[in-house]
Amino acid sequence: MKFLSGLIGFLVFLYVAYYLFSTVLSAAGTLCLIGSAALFLLKKRGRVISSSKAQIALLVFGAILLPVGIKHRLNLDDMETQQAANKAKFNQEKSAALDSLIKSRCGDYPYIPKEILNVAHATQDYNNSVGAYTNSADHLDDALAERKQKYSECEDRVRKENN
């Protein structure tokens, strides 16, 4: 249990350290605050030494720079998220436009419902069984395969022209 709590504490420390040192401003602010604390700890027995002005200056600069740097980091994160969303939206719109262009140039995707194909094959089987040999369902299958091939060629040509 101690290991788990130590691990969680370490991960929280790394997360906080990431935001404290993720930009130049926040790193400068953090270092100013650390310098101010170091000067405070270096004072001997409460005597006021000449470093108090430097300590106050470091404390003020650190208090100003650290929040500005963290806000800058958060703004960068927001901008990255927004750019990713815009890129995804652009790709989606481009894909929709390309699909629309393919449909306008090549027509609808050739499709015959399975029920109709099953009826055509059943009719052909019946006609063949009574001696009226027809290949109507086979012709339908061949025509559909040929139309799908032409559609695929047209689609490939349109995609190649627009990429």
Protein backbone atom coordinates (compact mmCIF):
# COMPACT_ATOMS: atom_id res chain seq x y z
CA MET A 1 0.00 0.00 0.00
CA LYS A 2 2.88 2.35 0.78
CA PHE A 3 4.36 1.61 -2.62
CA LEU A 4 1.09 2.46 -4.37
CA SER A 5 0.66 5.72 -2.48
CA GLY A 6 4.31 6.58 -3.18
CA LEU A 7 3.81 5.84 -6.86
CA ILE A 8 0.69 8.01 -7.02
CA GLY A 9 2.52 10.82 -5.22
CA PHE A 10 5.43 10.56 -7.66
CA LEU A 11 3.08 10.67 -10.66
CA VAL A 12 1.33 13.75 -9.25
CA PHE A 13 4.75 15.34 -8.72
CA LEU A 14 5.70 14.62 -12.35
CA TYR A 15 2.42 16.08 -13.58
CA VAL A 16 2.90 19.25 -11.53
CA ALA A 17 6.55 19.47 -12.60
CA TYR A 18 5.46 19.21 -16.23
CA TYR A 19 3.29 22.30 -15.86
CA LEU A 20 5.90 24.11 -13.78
CA PHE A 21 8.66 23.62 -16.35
CA SER A 22 6.68 23.20 -19.58
CA THR A 23 7.25 26.75 -20.86
CA VAL A 24 10.07 29.23 -20.45
CA LEU A 25 7.87 31.58 -18.44
CA SER A 26 6.71 28.98 -15.95
CA ALA A 27 10.25 27.58 -15.64
CA ALA A 28 11.60 31.07 -14.93
CA GLY A 29 8.84 31.65 -12.38
CA THR A 30 9.54 28.33 -10.68
CA LEU A 31 13.27 29.04 -10.53
CA CYS A 32 12.62 32.51 -9.08
CA LEU A 33 10.45 31.00 -6.35
CA ILE A 34 13.08 28.34 -5.63
CA GLY A 35 15.77 31.04 -5.48
CA SER A 36 13.66 33.09 -3.09
CA ALA A 37 13.13 30.08 -0.85
CA ALA A 38 16.85 29.29 -0.96
CA LEU A 39 17.73 32.83 0.12
CA PHE A 40 15.21 32.56 2.92
CA LEU A 41 16.81 29.33 4.13
CA LEU A 42 20.31 30.81 3.87
CA LYS A 43 19.56 33.62 6.29
CA LYS A 44 21.42 33.05 9.52
CA ARG A 45 19.52 33.13 12.82
CA GLY A 46 16.99 35.67 11.73
CA ARG A 47 19.53 38.41 10.99
CA VAL A 48 18.53 40.59 8.09
CA ILE A 49 21.18 40.42 5.43
CA SER A 50 21.48 42.28 2.16
CA SER A 51 19.79 39.49 0.22
CA SER A 52 16.30 40.48 1.42
CA LYS A 53 15.80 42.84 -1.53
CA ALA A 54 16.90 40.11 -3.95
CA GLN A 55 14.64 37.66 -2.13
CA ILE A 56 11.64 39.97 -2.47
CA ALA A 57 12.43 40.60 -6.15
CA LEU A 58 12.72 36.86 -6.84
CA LEU A 59 9.47 36.22 -4.96
CA VAL A 60 7.61 38.90 -6.93
CA PHE A 61 8.99 37.77 -10.31
CA GLY A 62 8.25 34.15 -9.47
CA ALA A 63 4.71 34.98 -8.34
CA ILE A 64 4.10 36.82 -11.62
CA LEU A 65 5.88 34.52 -14.08
CA LEU A 66 4.66 31.16 -12.79
CA PRO A 67 0.90 31.71 -13.33
CA VAL A 68 1.57 33.42 -16.67
CA GLY A 69 3.65 30.43 -17.79
CA ILE A 70 1.05 27.91 -16.66
CA LYS A 71 -1.69 29.87 -18.42
CA HIS A 72 0.48 29.94 -21.55
CA ARG A 73 0.90 26.14 -21.35
CA LEU A 74 -2.85 25.67 -21.00
CA ASN A 75 -3.44 27.96 -23.98
CA LEU A 76 -0.96 25.90 -26.02
CA ASP A 77 -2.82 22.72 -25.05
CA ASP A 78 -6.12 24.31 -26.07
CA MET A 79 -4.67 25.44 -29.40
CA GLU A 80 -3.32 21.94 -30.11
CA THR A 81 -6.72 20.43 -29.33
CA GLN A 82 -8.46 22.99 -31.53
CA GLN A 83 -6.04 22.37 -34.41
CA ALA A 84 -6.62 18.62 -34.16
CA ALA A 85 -10.39 19.16 -34.20
CA ASN A 86 -10.14 21.51 -37.20
CA LYS A 87 -7.97 19.01 -39.07
CA ALA A 88 -10.43 16.19 -38.37
CA LYS A 89 -13.33 18.37 -39.53
CA PHE A 90 -11.42 19.34 -42.69
CA ASN A 91 -10.64 15.69 -43.48
CA GLN A 92 -14.28 14.74 -42.93
CA GLU A 93 -15.50 17.55 -45.19
CA LYS A 94 -12.91 16.64 -47.84
CA SER A 95 -14.01 13.01 -47.71
CA ALA A 96 -17.68 13.98 -48.00
CA ALA A 97 -16.91 16.27 -50.94
CA LEU A 98 -14.92 13.52 -52.66
CA ASP A 99 -17.73 11.01 -52.12
CA SER A 100 -20.18 13.52 -53.59
CA LEU A 101 -17.90 14.07 -56.59
CA ILE A 102 -17.58 10.32 -57.14
CA LYS A 103 -21.36 9.94 -57.00
CA SER A 104 -21.87 12.76 -59.50
CA ARG A 105 -19.31 11.40 -61.98
CA CYS A 106 -19.76 7.65 -61.53
CA GLY A 107 -23.37 7.38 -60.41
CA ASP A 108 -24.64 5.30 -57.54
CA TYR A 109 -22.80 2.18 -56.46
CA PRO A 110 -24.24 -0.74 -58.43
CA TYR A 111 -26.38 -2.82 -56.15
CA ILE A 112 -29.07 -5.42 -56.58
CA PRO A 113 -30.81 -6.63 -53.42
CA LYS A 114 -30.16 -10.25 -52.46
CA GLU A 115 -33.87 -11.04 -52.59
CA ILE A 116 -34.04 -10.12 -56.28
CA LEU A 117 -30.90 -12.13 -57.04
CA ASN A 118 -32.35 -15.12 -55.19
CA VAL A 119 -35.61 -14.86 -57.18
CA ALA A 120 -33.65 -14.60 -60.44
CA HIS A 121 -31.60 -17.69 -59.61
CA ALA A 122 -34.68 -19.60 -58.46
CA THR A 123 -36.45 -18.70 -61.72
CA GLN A 124 -33.43 -19.77 -63.76
CA ASP A 125 -33.21 -23.05 -61.84
CA TYR A 126 -36.91 -23.71 -62.47
CA ASN A 127 -36.61 -22.88 -66.17
CA ASN A 128 -33.58 -25.16 -66.47
CA SER A 129 -35.45 -27.98 -64.71
CA VAL A 130 -38.35 -27.85 -67.18
CA GLY A 131 -36.08 -27.69 -70.19
CA ALA A 132 -36.29 -23.97 -70.95
CA TYR A 133 -32.61 -23.30 -70.57
CA THR A 134 -32.00 -19.65 -69.86
CA ASN A 135 -29.04 -17.95 -68.35
CA SER A 136 -30.90 -14.84 -67.26
CA ALA A 137 -29.62 -14.92 -63.68
CA ASP A 138 -26.08 -15.59 -64.87
CA HIS A 139 -26.36 -12.66 -67.27
CA LEU A 140 -27.63 -10.52 -64.39
CA ASP A 141 -24.63 -11.57 -62.24
CA ASP A 142 -22.23 -10.87 -65.09
CA ALA A 143 -23.78 -7.46 -65.78
CA LEU A 144 -23.61 -6.55 -62.09
CA ALA A 145 -19.95 -7.62 -61.86
CA GLU A 146 -19.13 -5.64 -65.02
CA ARG A 147 -20.93 -2.54 -63.69
CA LYS A 148 -19.08 -2.84 -60.34
CA GLN A 149 -15.78 -3.08 -62.21
CA LYS A 150 -16.56 0.04 -64.24
CA TYR A 151 -17.66 1.87 -61.10
CA SER A 152 -14.40 0.92 -59.31
CA GLU A 153 -12.33 2.16 -62.25
CA CYS A 154 -14.27 5.43 -62.33
CA GLU A 155 -13.92 5.83 -58.56
CA ASP A 156 -10.17 5.20 -58.70
CA ARG A 157 -9.78 7.71 -61.53
CA VAL A 158 -11.74 10.41 -59.65
CA ARG A 159 -9.79 9.79 -56.42
CA LYS A 160 -6.49 9.98 -58.32
CA GLU A 161 -7.49 13.26 -59.98
CA ASN A 162 -8.50 14.86 -56.67
CA ASN A 163 -5.69 13.77 -54.36
